[in-house]
PDB file of N, CA and C in Angstrom:
ATOM      1  N   MET A   1      41.253  68.980 290.297  1.00  0.00           N
ATOM      2  CA  MET A   1      40.233  68.991 289.429  1.00  0.00           C
ATOM      3  C   MET A   1      40.535  69.120 287.608  1.00  0.00           C
ATOM      4  N   LYS A   2      41.511  69.810 287.280  1.00  0.00           N
ATOM      5  CA  LYS A   2      41.744  69.775 285.878  1.00  0.00           C
ATOM      6  C   LYS A   2      42.442  68.249 285.517  1.00  0.00           C
ATOM      7  N   GLY A   3      43.131  67.643 286.490  1.00  0.00           N
ATOM      8  CA  GLY A   3      43.818  66.430 285.919  1.00  0.00           C
ATOM      9  C   GLY A   3      42.630  65.283 285.899  1.00  0.00           C
ATOM     10  N   VAL A   4      42.118  64.988 286.794  1.00  0.00           N
ATOM     11  CA  VAL A   4      40.684  64.397 286.799  1.00  0.00           C
ATOM     12  C   VAL A   4      39.971  64.449 285.691  1.00  0.00           C
ATOM     13  N   LEU A   5      39.363  65.818 285.259  1.00  0.00           N
ATOM     14  CA  LEU A   5      38.993  65.956 284.068  1.00  0.00           C
ATOM     15  C   LEU A   5      39.664  65.665 282.663  1.00  0.00           C
ATOM     16  N   ALA A   6      40.786  65.815 282.992  1.00  0.00           N
ATOM     17  CA  ALA A   6      41.881  65.433 281.577  1.00  0.00           C
ATOM     18  C   ALA A   6      41.874  63.912 281.449  1.00  0.00           C
ATOM     19  N   LEU A   7      41.817  63.245 282.542  1.00  0.00           N
ATOM     20  CA  LEU A   7      41.905  61.785 282.407  1.00  0.00           C
ATOM     21  C   LEU A   7      40.525  61.386 281.948  1.00  0.00           C
ATOM     22  N   ALA A   8      39.490  62.053 282.335  1.00  0.00           N
ATOM     23  CA  ALA A   8      38.146  61.429 282.421  1.00  0.00           C
ATOM     24  C   ALA A   8      38.132  62.120 280.605  1.00  0.00           C
ATOM     25  N   ALA A   9      38.362  62.873 279.972  1.00  0.00           N
ATOM     26  CA  ALA A   9      38.467  63.095 278.638  1.00  0.00           C
ATOM     27  C   ALA A   9      39.169  62.274 277.772  1.00  0.00           C
ATOM     28  N   VAL A  10      40.246  61.781 278.277  1.00  0.00           N
ATOM     29  CA  VAL A  10      41.264  61.004 277.585  1.00  0.00           C
ATOM     30  C   VAL A  10      40.260  59.920 277.218  1.00  0.00           C
ATOM     31  N   ALA A  11      39.781  58.960 278.786  1.00  0.00           N
ATOM     32  CA  ALA A  11      39.179  57.827 278.877  1.00  0.00           C
ATOM     33  C   ALA A  11      37.785  57.856 277.794  1.00  0.00           C
ATOM     34  N   GLU A  12      37.157  58.917 278.002  1.00  0.00           N
ATOM     35  CA  GLU A  12      36.067  58.764 277.107  1.00  0.00           C
ATOM     36  C   GLU A  12      36.465  59.037 275.478  1.00  0.00           C
ATOM     37  N   ALA A  13      37.338  59.759 275.265  1.00  0.00           N
ATOM     38  CA  ALA A  13      38.071  59.698 273.732  1.00  0.00           C
ATOM     39  C   ALA A  13      38.641  58.241 273.325  1.00  0.00           C
ATOM     40  N   THR A  14      38.863  57.899 273.897  1.00  0.00           N
ATOM     41  CA  THR A  14      39.591  56.475 273.766  1.00  0.00           C
ATOM     42  C   THR A  14      38.530  55.278 273.701  1.00  0.00           C
ATOM     43  N   THR A  15      37.583  55.320 274.343  1.00  0.00           N
ATOM     44  CA  THR A  15      36.530  54.351 274.467  1.00  0.00           C
ATOM     45  C   THR A  15      35.549  55.014 272.861  1.00  0.00           C
ATOM     46  N   GLY A  16      35.574  56.292 272.762  1.00  0.00           N
ATOM     47  CA  GLY A  16      34.914  56.441 271.653  1.00  0.00           C
ATOM     48  C   GLY A  16      35.679  56.164 270.476  1.00  0.00           C
ATOM     49  N   PHE A  17      36.918  56.228 270.499  1.00  0.00           N
ATOM     50  CA  PHE A  17      37.715  55.553 269.038  1.00  0.00           C
ATOM     51  C   PHE A  17      37.568  54.266 268.999  1.00  0.00           C
ATOM     52  N   ALA A  18      37.582  53.257 270.083  1.00  0.00           N
ATOM     53  CA  ALA A  18      37.525  52.028 269.969  1.00  0.00           C
ATOM     54  C   ALA A  18      35.967  51.806 269.500  1.00  0.00           C
ATOM     55  N   LEU A  19      34.928  52.164 269.796  1.00  0.00           N
ATOM     56  CA  LEU A  19      33.544  52.281 269.114  1.00  0.00           C
ATOM     57  C   LEU A  19      33.564  52.246 267.700  1.00  0.00           C
ATOM     58  N   LEU A  20      34.260  53.573 267.409  1.00  0.00           N
ATOM     59  CA  LEU A  20      34.245  53.864 266.169  1.00  0.00           C
ATOM     60  C   LEU A  20      35.205  52.870 265.123  1.00  0.00           C
ATOM     61  N   LEU A  21      36.205  52.137 265.680  1.00  0.00           N
ATOM     62  CA  LEU A  21      36.931  51.633 264.948  1.00  0.00           C
ATOM     63  C   LEU A  21      36.636  49.646 264.928  1.00  0.00           C
ATOM     64  N   VAL A  22      36.184  49.586 266.127  1.00  0.00           N
ATOM     65  CA  VAL A  22      35.939  48.021 266.068  1.00  0.00           C
ATOM     66  C   VAL A  22      34.811  47.992 267.125  1.00  0.00           C
ATOM     67  N   PRO A  23      33.588  48.207 266.796  1.00  0.00           N
ATOM     68  CA  PRO A  23      32.291  48.318 267.410  1.00  0.00           C
ATOM     69  C   PRO A  23      31.738  46.764 268.043  1.00  0.00           C
ATOM     70  N   SER A  24      32.376  45.869 267.143  1.00  0.00           N
ATOM     71  CA  SER A  24      31.882  44.510 267.315  1.00  0.00           C
ATOM     72  C   SER A  24      32.263  43.991 268.423  1.00  0.00           C
ATOM     73  N   LEU A  25      33.710  44.354 268.669  1.00  0.00           N
ATOM     74  CA  LEU A  25      34.913  43.940 269.357  1.00  0.00           C
ATOM     75  C   LEU A  25      34.222  44.544 270.938  1.00  0.00           C
ATOM     76  N   VAL A  26      34.114  45.606 270.902  1.00  0.00           N
ATOM     77  CA  VAL A  26      33.636  46.831 271.851  1.00  0.00           C
ATOM     78  C   VAL A  26      32.306  45.941 272.675  1.00  0.00           C
ATOM     79  N   GLY A  27      31.374  45.717 271.876  1.00  0.00           N
ATOM     80  CA  GLY A  27      30.154  44.921 272.332  1.00  0.00           C
ATOM     81  C   GLY A  27      30.455  43.756 272.554  1.00  0.00           C
ATOM     82  N   ARG A  28      31.491  42.817 272.013  1.00  0.00           N
ATOM     83  CA  ARG A  28      31.621  41.624 272.584  1.00  0.00           C
ATOM     84  C   ARG A  28      32.378  41.693 274.035  1.00  0.00           C
ATOM     85  N   LEU A  29      33.106  42.675 274.287  1.00  0.00           N
ATOM     86  CA  LEU A  29      33.750  42.697 275.290  1.00  0.00           C
ATOM     87  C   LEU A  29      32.992  43.379 276.490  1.00  0.00           C
ATOM     88  N   LEU A  30      31.913  44.045 276.275  1.00  0.00           N
ATOM     89  CA  LEU A  30      31.059  44.908 277.459  1.00  0.00           C
ATOM     90  C   LEU A  30      30.102  44.030 277.541  1.00  0.00           C
ATOM     91  N   LEU A  31      29.480  43.501 276.418  1.00  0.00           N
ATOM     92  CA  LEU A  31      28.206  43.073 276.463  1.00  0.00           C
ATOM     93  C   LEU A  31      28.118  41.304 276.336  1.00  0.00           C
ATOM     94  N   GLY A  32      28.999  40.842 275.989  1.00  0.00           N
ATOM     95  CA  GLY A  32      29.331  39.564 275.444  1.00  0.00           C
ATOM     96  C   GLY A  32      28.587  39.011 274.303  1.00  0.00           C
ATOM     97  N   GLU A  33      28.022  40.322 273.613  1.00  0.00           N
ATOM     98  CA  GLU A  33      27.482  39.660 272.265  1.00  0.00           C
ATOM     99  C   GLU A  33      28.146  40.479 270.797  1.00  0.00           C
ATOM    100  N   ASP A  34      28.267  40.133 269.996  1.00  0.00           N
ATOM    101  CA  ASP A  34      28.810  40.759 268.651  1.00  0.00           C
ATOM    102  C   ASP A  34      27.844  41.571 267.985  1.00  0.00           C
ATOM    103  N   LEU A  35      28.302  42.536 267.995  1.00  0.00           N
ATOM    104  CA  LEU A  35      27.256  43.589 267.295  1.00  0.00           C
ATOM    105  C   LEU A  35      26.987  43.486 265.609  1.00  0.00           C
ATOM    106  N   THR A  36      25.657  43.544 265.307  1.00  0.00           N
ATOM    107  CA  THR A  36      25.656  43.421 264.013  1.00  0.00           C
ATOM    108  C   THR A  36      24.616  44.357 263.299  1.00  0.00           C
ATOM    109  N   GLY A  37      24.642  44.418 261.963  1.00  0.00           N
ATOM    110  CA  GLY A  37      23.345  45.242 261.240  1.00  0.00           C
ATOM    111  C   GLY A  37      23.462  46.647 261.713  1.00  0.00           C
ATOM    112  N   ILE A  38      22.479  47.222 261.872  1.00  0.00           N
ATOM    113  CA  ILE A  38      22.139  48.624 262.348  1.00  0.00           C
ATOM    114  C   ILE A  38      22.719  49.128 263.418  1.00  0.00           C
ATOM    115  N   ALA A  39      23.010  47.996 264.233  1.00  0.00           N
ATOM    116  CA  ALA A  39      23.699  48.425 265.750  1.00  0.00           C
ATOM    117  C   ALA A  39      25.293  48.925 265.540  1.00  0.00           C
ATOM    118  N   VAL A  40      25.713  48.462 264.374  1.00  0.00           N
ATOM    119  CA  VAL A  40      27.079  49.024 264.548  1.00  0.00           C
ATOM    120  C   VAL A  40      27.084  50.312 263.869  1.00  0.00           C
ATOM    121  N   ALA A  41      26.064  50.904 263.016  1.00  0.00           N
ATOM    122  CA  ALA A  41      25.875  52.216 262.626  1.00  0.00           C
ATOM    123  C   ALA A  41      26.233  53.101 264.002  1.00  0.00           C
ATOM    124  N   VAL A  42      24.825  52.630 264.657  1.00  0.00           N
ATOM    125  CA  VAL A  42      24.502  53.446 265.922  1.00  0.00           C
ATOM    126  C   VAL A  42      25.375  53.428 266.698  1.00  0.00           C
ATOM    127  N   THR A  43      26.262  52.449 267.067  1.00  0.00           N
ATOM    128  CA  THR A  43      27.565  52.312 267.977  1.00  0.00           C
ATOM    129  C   THR A  43      28.683  53.236 267.503  1.00  0.00           C
ATOM    130  N   ARG A  44      28.989  53.494 266.048  1.00  0.00           N
ATOM    131  CA  ARG A  44      29.574  54.427 265.503  1.00  0.00           C
ATOM    132  C   ARG A  44      29.491  55.771 265.831  1.00  0.00           C
ATOM    133  N   VAL A  45      28.239  55.992 265.906  1.00  0.00           N
ATOM    134  CA  VAL A  45      27.572  57.540 265.984  1.00  0.00           C
ATOM    135  C   VAL A  45      28.016  57.828 267.668  1.00  0.00           C
ATOM    136  N   THR A  46      27.897  57.127 268.300  1.00  0.00           N
ATOM    137  CA  THR A  46      27.997  57.164 269.704  1.00  0.00           C
ATOM    138  C   THR A  46      29.416  57.173 270.225  1.00  0.00           C
ATOM    139  N   GLY A  47      30.396  56.428 269.360  1.00  0.00           N
ATOM    140  CA  GLY A  47      31.748  56.642 269.354  1.00  0.00           C
ATOM    141  C   GLY A  47      32.168  58.097 269.330  1.00  0.00           C
ATOM    142  N   LEU A  48      31.771  58.723 268.058  1.00  0.00           N
ATOM    143  CA  LEU A  48      31.521  59.936 267.683  1.00  0.00           C
ATOM    144  C   LEU A  48      31.484  60.995 268.604  1.00  0.00           C
ATOM    145  N   ALA A  49      29.964  60.690 269.324  1.00  0.00           N
ATOM    146  CA  ALA A  49      29.822  61.334 270.525  1.00  0.00           C
ATOM    147  C   ALA A  49      30.829  61.415 271.564  1.00  0.00           C
ATOM    148  N   LEU A  50      31.181  60.127 271.978  1.00  0.00           N
ATOM    149  CA  LEU A  50      32.111  60.307 272.981  1.00  0.00           C
ATOM    150  C   LEU A  50      33.538  60.831 272.864  1.00  0.00           C
ATOM    151  N   ILE A  51      33.912  60.916 271.164  1.00  0.00           N
ATOM    152  CA  ILE A  51      35.076  61.611 270.897  1.00  0.00           C
ATOM    153  C   ILE A  51      34.764  63.268 271.024  1.00  0.00           C
ATOM    154  N   GLY A  52      33.801  63.427 270.776  1.00  0.00           N
ATOM    155  CA  GLY A  52      33.243  64.993 270.905  1.00  0.00           C
ATOM    156  C   GLY A  52      33.133  65.331 272.652  1.00  0.00           C
ATOM    157  N   LEU A  53      32.552  64.374 273.430  1.00  0.00           N
ATOM    158  CA  LEU A  53      32.700  64.366 274.774  1.00  0.00           C
ATOM    159  C   LEU A  53      33.812  64.896 275.533  1.00  0.00           C
ATOM    160  N   GLY A  54      34.792  63.972 274.977  1.00  0.00           N
ATOM    161  CA  GLY A  54      36.505  63.957 275.417  1.00  0.00           C
ATOM    162  C   GLY A  54      36.902  65.320 275.211  1.00  0.00           C
ATOM    163  N   LEU A  55      36.657  65.821 273.677  1.00  0.00           N
ATOM    164  CA  LEU A  55      37.184  66.999 273.232  1.00  0.00           C
ATOM    165  C   LEU A  55      36.569  68.193 274.232  1.00  0.00           C
ATOM    166  N   ALA A  56      35.212  68.119 274.267  1.00  0.00           N
ATOM    167  CA  ALA A  56      34.643  69.316 275.137  1.00  0.00           C
ATOM    168  C   ALA A  56      35.054  69.268 276.113  1.00  0.00           C
ATOM    169  N   CYS A  57      35.517  68.299 277.098  1.00  0.00           N
ATOM    170  CA  CYS A  57      35.958  68.067 278.572  1.00  0.00           C
ATOM    171  C   CYS A  57      37.497  68.403 278.760  1.00  0.00           C
ATOM    172  N   TRP A  58      38.409  68.335 277.292  1.00  0.00           N
ATOM    173  CA  TRP A  58      39.668  68.495 277.664  1.00  0.00           C
ATOM    174  C   TRP A  58      39.857  70.000 277.961  1.00  0.00           C
ATOM    175  N   PRO A  59      40.612  70.389 278.478  1.00  0.00           N
ATOM    176  CA  PRO A  59      41.253  71.898 278.753  1.00  0.00           C
ATOM    177  C   PRO A  59      41.089  72.513 277.537  1.00  0.00           C
ATOM    178  N   GLY A  60      40.707  73.301 277.371  1.00  0.00           N
ATOM    179  CA  GLY A  60      40.368  74.387 275.903  1.00  0.00           C
ATOM    180  C   GLY A  60      38.789  74.859 275.775  1.00  0.00           C
ATOM    181  N   PRO A  61      38.572  75.060 274.745  1.00  0.00           N
ATOM    182  CA  PRO A  61      37.002  75.739 274.302  1.00  0.00           C
ATOM    183  C   PRO A  61      36.261  74.509 274.234  1.00  0.00           C
ATOM    184  N   PRO A  62      35.008  74.103 274.871  1.00  0.00           N
ATOM    185  CA  PRO A  62      34.293  73.270 274.663  1.00  0.00           C
ATOM    186  C   PRO A  62      33.663  73.090 273.573  1.00  0.00           C
ATOM    187  N   ARG A  63      33.488  74.444 272.533  1.00  0.00           N
ATOM    188  CA  ARG A  63      33.264  74.239 271.405  1.00  0.00           C
ATOM    189  C   ARG A  63      33.488  73.370 270.499  1.00  0.00           C
ATOM    190  N   LEU A  64      34.961  73.227 270.820  1.00  0.00           N
ATOM    191  CA  LEU A  64      35.768  72.218 269.705  1.00  0.00           C
ATOM    192  C   LEU A  64      34.957  70.634 269.511  1.00  0.00           C
ATOM    193  N   GLY A  65      34.884  70.317 270.816  1.00  0.00           N
ATOM    194  CA  GLY A  65      34.114  69.124 270.998  1.00  0.00           C
ATOM    195  C   GLY A  65      32.604  69.126 269.932  1.00  0.00           C
ATOM    196  N   MET A  66      32.012  70.098 270.146  1.00  0.00           N
ATOM    197  CA  MET A  66      30.662  70.022 269.627  1.00  0.00           C
ATOM    198  C   MET A  66      31.146  70.158 267.943  1.00  0.00           C
ATOM    199  N   LEU A  67      32.094  71.039 267.501  1.00  0.00           N
ATOM    200  CA  LEU A  67      32.329  71.485 265.938  1.00  0.00           C
ATOM    201  C   LEU A  67      32.960  69.684 265.466  1.00  0.00           C
ATOM    202  N   VAL A  68      33.530  69.186 266.177  1.00  0.00           N
ATOM    203  CA  VAL A  68      34.392  67.696 265.736  1.00  0.00           C
ATOM    204  C   VAL A  68      32.676  66.973 265.768  1.00  0.00           C
ATOM    205  N   TYR A  69      32.079  66.778 266.802  1.00  0.00           N
ATOM    206  CA  TYR A  69      31.216  65.707 266.401  1.00  0.00           C
ATOM    207  C   TYR A  69      30.204  66.277 265.579  1.00  0.00           C
ATOM    208  N   GLY A  70      29.527  67.536 265.621  1.00  0.00           N
ATOM    209  CA  GLY A  70      28.687  67.701 264.616  1.00  0.00           C
ATOM    210  C   GLY A  70      29.127  67.323 263.107  1.00  0.00           C
ATOM    211  N   ALA A  71      30.542  67.729 262.856  1.00  0.00           N
ATOM    212  CA  ALA A  71      31.076  67.227 261.461  1.00  0.00           C
ATOM    213  C   ALA A  71      31.078  66.142 261.498  1.00  0.00           C
ATOM    214  N   ALA A  72      31.769  65.369 262.234  1.00  0.00           N
ATOM    215  CA  ALA A  72      31.844  63.816 262.022  1.00  0.00           C
ATOM    216  C   ALA A  72      30.829  63.172 261.545  1.00  0.00           C
ATOM    217  N   VAL A  73      29.707  63.559 262.678  1.00  0.00           N
ATOM    218  CA  VAL A  73      28.537  62.794 262.437  1.00  0.00           C
ATOM    219  C   VAL A  73      27.651  63.089 261.003  1.00  0.00           C
ATOM    220  N   ALA A  74      27.637  64.369 260.527  1.00  0.00           N
ATOM    221  CA  ALA A  74      27.308  64.579 259.501  1.00  0.00           C
ATOM    222  C   ALA A  74      27.933  63.954 258.271  1.00  0.00           C
ATOM    223  N   VAL A  75      29.272  63.854 258.393  1.00  0.00           N
ATOM    224  CA  VAL A  75      29.764  63.200 257.383  1.00  0.00           C
ATOM    225  C   VAL A  75      29.646  61.573 257.428  1.00  0.00           C
ATOM    226  N   TYR A  76      29.756  61.055 258.682  1.00  0.00           N
ATOM    227  CA  TYR A  76      29.306  59.546 258.701  1.00  0.00           C
ATOM    228  C   TYR A  76      27.895  59.118 258.122  1.00  0.00           C
ATOM    229  N   LEU A  77      26.818  59.925 259.038  1.00  0.00           N
ATOM    230  CA  LEU A  77      25.684  59.834 258.337  1.00  0.00           C
ATOM    231  C   LEU A  77      25.351  60.026 256.981  1.00  0.00           C
ATOM    232  N   ALA A  78      26.030  60.638 256.351  1.00  0.00           N
ATOM    233  CA  ALA A  78      25.834  61.273 254.803  1.00  0.00           C
ATOM    234  C   ALA A  78      26.525  59.875 254.213  1.00  0.00           C
ATOM    235  N   TYR A  79      27.663  59.309 254.559  1.00  0.00           N
ATOM    236  CA  TYR A  79      28.373  58.140 254.068  1.00  0.00           C
ATOM    237  C   TYR A  79      27.386  57.095 254.388  1.00  0.00           C
ATOM    238  N   VAL A  80      26.943  56.565 255.185  1.00  0.00           N
ATOM    239  CA  VAL A  80      25.808  55.616 255.510  1.00  0.00           C
ATOM    240  C   VAL A  80      24.663  55.551 254.479  1.00  0.00           C
ATOM    241  N   GLY A  81      24.445  56.870 254.438  1.00  0.00           N
ATOM    242  CA  GLY A  81      23.037  56.986 253.454  1.00  0.00           C
ATOM    243  C   GLY A  81      23.293  56.745 251.923  1.00  0.00           C
ATOM    244  N   VAL A  82      24.612  57.312 251.649  1.00  0.00           N
ATOM    245  CA  VAL A  82      25.048  57.291 250.125  1.00  0.00           C
ATOM    246  C   VAL A  82      25.704  55.518 249.907  1.00  0.00           C
ATOM    247  N   VAL A  83      26.621  55.010 250.550  1.00  0.00           N
ATOM    248  CA  VAL A  83      27.552  54.402 250.514  1.00  0.00           C
ATOM    249  C   VAL A  83      26.561  52.493 250.967  1.00  0.00           C
ATOM    250  N   HIS A  84      26.016  52.910 251.833  1.00  0.00           N
ATOM    251  CA  HIS A  84      25.168  51.790 252.521  1.00  0.00           C
ATOM    252  C   HIS A  84      23.737  51.519 252.158  1.00  0.00           C
ATOM    253  N   GLY A  85      23.226  52.634 252.204  1.00  0.00           N
ATOM    254  CA  GLY A  85      21.692  53.023 251.189  1.00  0.00           C
ATOM    255  C   GLY A  85      20.970  52.714 252.325  1.00  0.00           C
ATOM    256  N   LEU A  86      21.489  53.105 253.451  1.00  0.00           N
ATOM    257  CA  LEU A  86      20.671  53.045 254.752  1.00  0.00           C
ATOM    258  C   LEU A  86      20.110  54.558 254.981  1.00  0.00           C
ATOM    259  N   ALA A  87      18.567  54.374 254.945  1.00  0.00           N
ATOM    260  CA  ALA A  87      18.322  55.988 254.838  1.00  0.00           C
ATOM    261  C   ALA A  87      16.552  55.871 255.585  1.00  0.00           C
ATOM    262  N   GLY A  88      16.405  56.313 256.601  1.00  0.00           N
ATOM    263  CA  GLY A  88      15.073  56.566 257.324  1.00  0.00           C
ATOM    264  C   GLY A  88      14.646  57.671 256.917  1.00  0.00           C
ATOM    265  N   ILE A  89      13.312  57.956 257.319  1.00  0.00           N
ATOM    266  CA  ILE A  89      13.012  59.483 256.768  1.00  0.00           C
ATOM    267  C   ILE A  89      13.750  60.439 257.290  1.00  0.00           C
ATOM    268  N   LEU A  90      14.402  60.462 258.743  1.00  0.00           N
ATOM    269  CA  LEU A  90      14.875  61.516 259.335  1.00  0.00           C
ATOM    270  C   LEU A  90      16.621  61.457 259.036  1.00  0.00           C
ATOM    271  N   LEU A  91      16.970  60.681 258.264  1.00  0.00           N
ATOM    272  CA  LEU A  91      18.481  60.659 257.955  1.00  0.00           C
ATOM    273  C   LEU A  91      18.860  61.751 257.187  1.00  0.00           C
ATOM    274  N   TRP A  92      18.335  62.453 256.042  1.00  0.00           N
ATOM    275  CA  TRP A  92      18.873  63.671 255.466  1.00  0.00           C
ATOM    276  C   TRP A  92      18.614  65.139 256.169  1.00  0.00           C
ATOM    277  N   PRO A  93      17.471  65.060 256.845  1.00  0.00           N
ATOM    278  CA  PRO A  93      17.262  66.229 257.507  1.00  0.00           C
ATOM    279  C   PRO A  93      18.072  66.181 258.997  1.00  0.00           C
ATOM    280  N   ALA A  94      18.617  65.156 259.272  1.00  0.00           N
ATOM    281  CA  ALA A  94      19.661  65.229 260.230  1.00  0.00           C
ATOM    282  C   ALA A  94      21.041  65.531 260.078  1.00  0.00           C
ATOM    283  N   VAL A  95      21.300  65.110 258.774  1.00  0.00           N
ATOM    284  CA  VAL A  95      22.637  65.192 258.020  1.00  0.00           C
ATOM    285  C   VAL A  95      22.388  66.907 257.812  1.00  0.00           C
ATOM    286  N   ILE A  96      21.259  67.519 257.522  1.00  0.00           N
ATOM    287  CA  ILE A  96      21.273  69.021 257.085  1.00  0.00           C
ATOM    288  C   ILE A  96      21.444  69.681 258.254  1.00  0.00           C
ATOM    289  N   LEU A  97      20.763  69.446 259.282  1.00  0.00           N
ATOM    290  CA  LEU A  97      20.873  70.043 260.786  1.00  0.00           C
ATOM    291  C   LEU A  97      22.085  69.846 261.249  1.00  0.00           C
ATOM    292  N   HIS A  98      23.295  68.795 261.041  1.00  0.00           N
ATOM    293  CA  HIS A  98      24.509  68.919 261.672  1.00  0.00           C
ATOM    294  C   HIS A  98      24.942  69.979 261.085  1.00  0.00           C
ATOM    295  N   VAL A  99      25.072  69.812 259.519  1.00  0.00           N
ATOM    296  CA  VAL A  99      25.784  70.790 258.763  1.00  0.00           C
ATOM    297  C   VAL A  99      25.252  72.123 259.148  1.00  0.00           C
ATOM    298  N   VAL A 100      24.303  72.632 259.520  1.00  0.00           N
ATOM    299  CA  VAL A 100      23.720  73.979 259.897  1.00  0.00           C
ATOM    300  C   VAL A 100      24.061  74.199 261.234  1.00  0.00           C
ATOM    301  N   LEU A 101      24.486  73.022 262.147  1.00  0.00           N
ATOM    302  CA  LEU A 101      24.744  73.513 263.412  1.00  0.00           C
ATOM    303  C   LEU A 101      26.185  73.949 263.403  1.00  0.00           C
ATOM    304  N   VAL A 102      27.196  72.979 262.453  1.00  0.00           N
ATOM    305  CA  VAL A 102      28.375  73.161 262.666  1.00  0.00           C
ATOM    306  C   VAL A 102      28.630  74.538 262.129  1.00  0.00           C
ATOM    307  N   ALA A 103      27.835  74.805 260.984  1.00  0.00           N
ATOM    308  CA  ALA A 103      27.942  76.327 260.548  1.00  0.00           C
ATOM    309  C   ALA A 103      27.992  77.213 261.478  1.00  0.00           C
ATOM    310  N   LEU A 104      26.795  77.351 262.483  1.00  0.00           N
ATOM    311  CA  LEU A 104      26.542  78.438 263.266  1.00  0.00           C
ATOM    312  C   LEU A 104      27.416  78.279 264.218  1.00  0.00           C
ATOM    313  N   LEU A 105      27.957  77.339 264.727  1.00  0.00           N
ATOM    314  CA  LEU A 105      29.299  77.245 265.697  1.00  0.00           C
ATOM    315  C   LEU A 105      30.471  77.675 265.331  1.00  0.00           C
ATOM    316  N   GLY A 106      30.924  77.435 263.861  1.00  0.00           N
ATOM    317  CA  GLY A 106      31.916  77.869 263.290  1.00  0.00           C
ATOM    318  C   GLY A 106      31.697  79.548 263.264  1.00  0.00           C
ATOM    319  N   TRP A 107      30.676  80.007 262.768  1.00  0.00           N
ATOM    320  CA  TRP A 107      30.298  81.318 262.740  1.00  0.00           C
ATOM    321  C   TRP A 107      30.361  82.184 264.204  1.00  0.00           C
ATOM    322  N   ALA A 108      29.810  81.751 265.227  1.00  0.00           N
ATOM    323  CA  ALA A 108      29.850  82.019 266.687  1.00  0.00           C
ATOM    324  C   ALA A 108      31.369  81.770 267.093  1.00  0.00           C
ATOM    325  N   SER A 109      31.831  81.053 266.690  1.00  0.00           N
ATOM    326  CA  SER A 109      33.238  81.337 267.252  1.00  0.00           C
ATOM    327  C   SER A 109      34.100  81.977 266.565  1.00  0.00           C
ATOM    328  N   ARG A 110      33.861  82.539 265.525  1.00  0.00           N
ATOM    329  CA  ARG A 110      34.982  83.414 264.762  1.00  0.00           C
ATOM    330  C   ARG A 110      34.265  85.064 265.624  1.00  0.00           C
ATOM    331  N   ARG A 111      33.163  85.212 265.774  1.00  0.00           N
ATOM    332  CA  ARG A 111      32.899  86.496 266.705  1.00  0.00           C
ATOM    333  C   ARG A 111      33.142  86.549 267.879  1.00  0.00           C
ATOM    334  N   MET A 112      34.119  85.784 268.684  1.00  0.00           N
ATOM    335  CA  MET A 112      34.217  85.702 269.946  1.00  0.00           C
ATOM    336  C   MET A 112      35.614  86.187 270.212  1.00  0.00           C
TER     337      MET A 112
END
């Protein structure tokens, strides 16, 4: 079981890195269409989630996956808001929520 879980973790993380680095290529290969506009940002967040899932499923503490995902999404969403000027009503509350969750996860991890 551990071998299959490790294989699945590597596959998901690899897909996540592909979505993060070349979202349009993955969209073209999977769906037959290029991704444009806001779909690229959403695809990159999905890539970060798959990387976090891969880390959570890798043998070791699952909280590492959530820590990496939460921190990466907070940074990426803040980047999208500041650099690209994309900001819906929930962007900054989502950034703050992820920062708080990462801080709580980090605090809880030290207590274990």
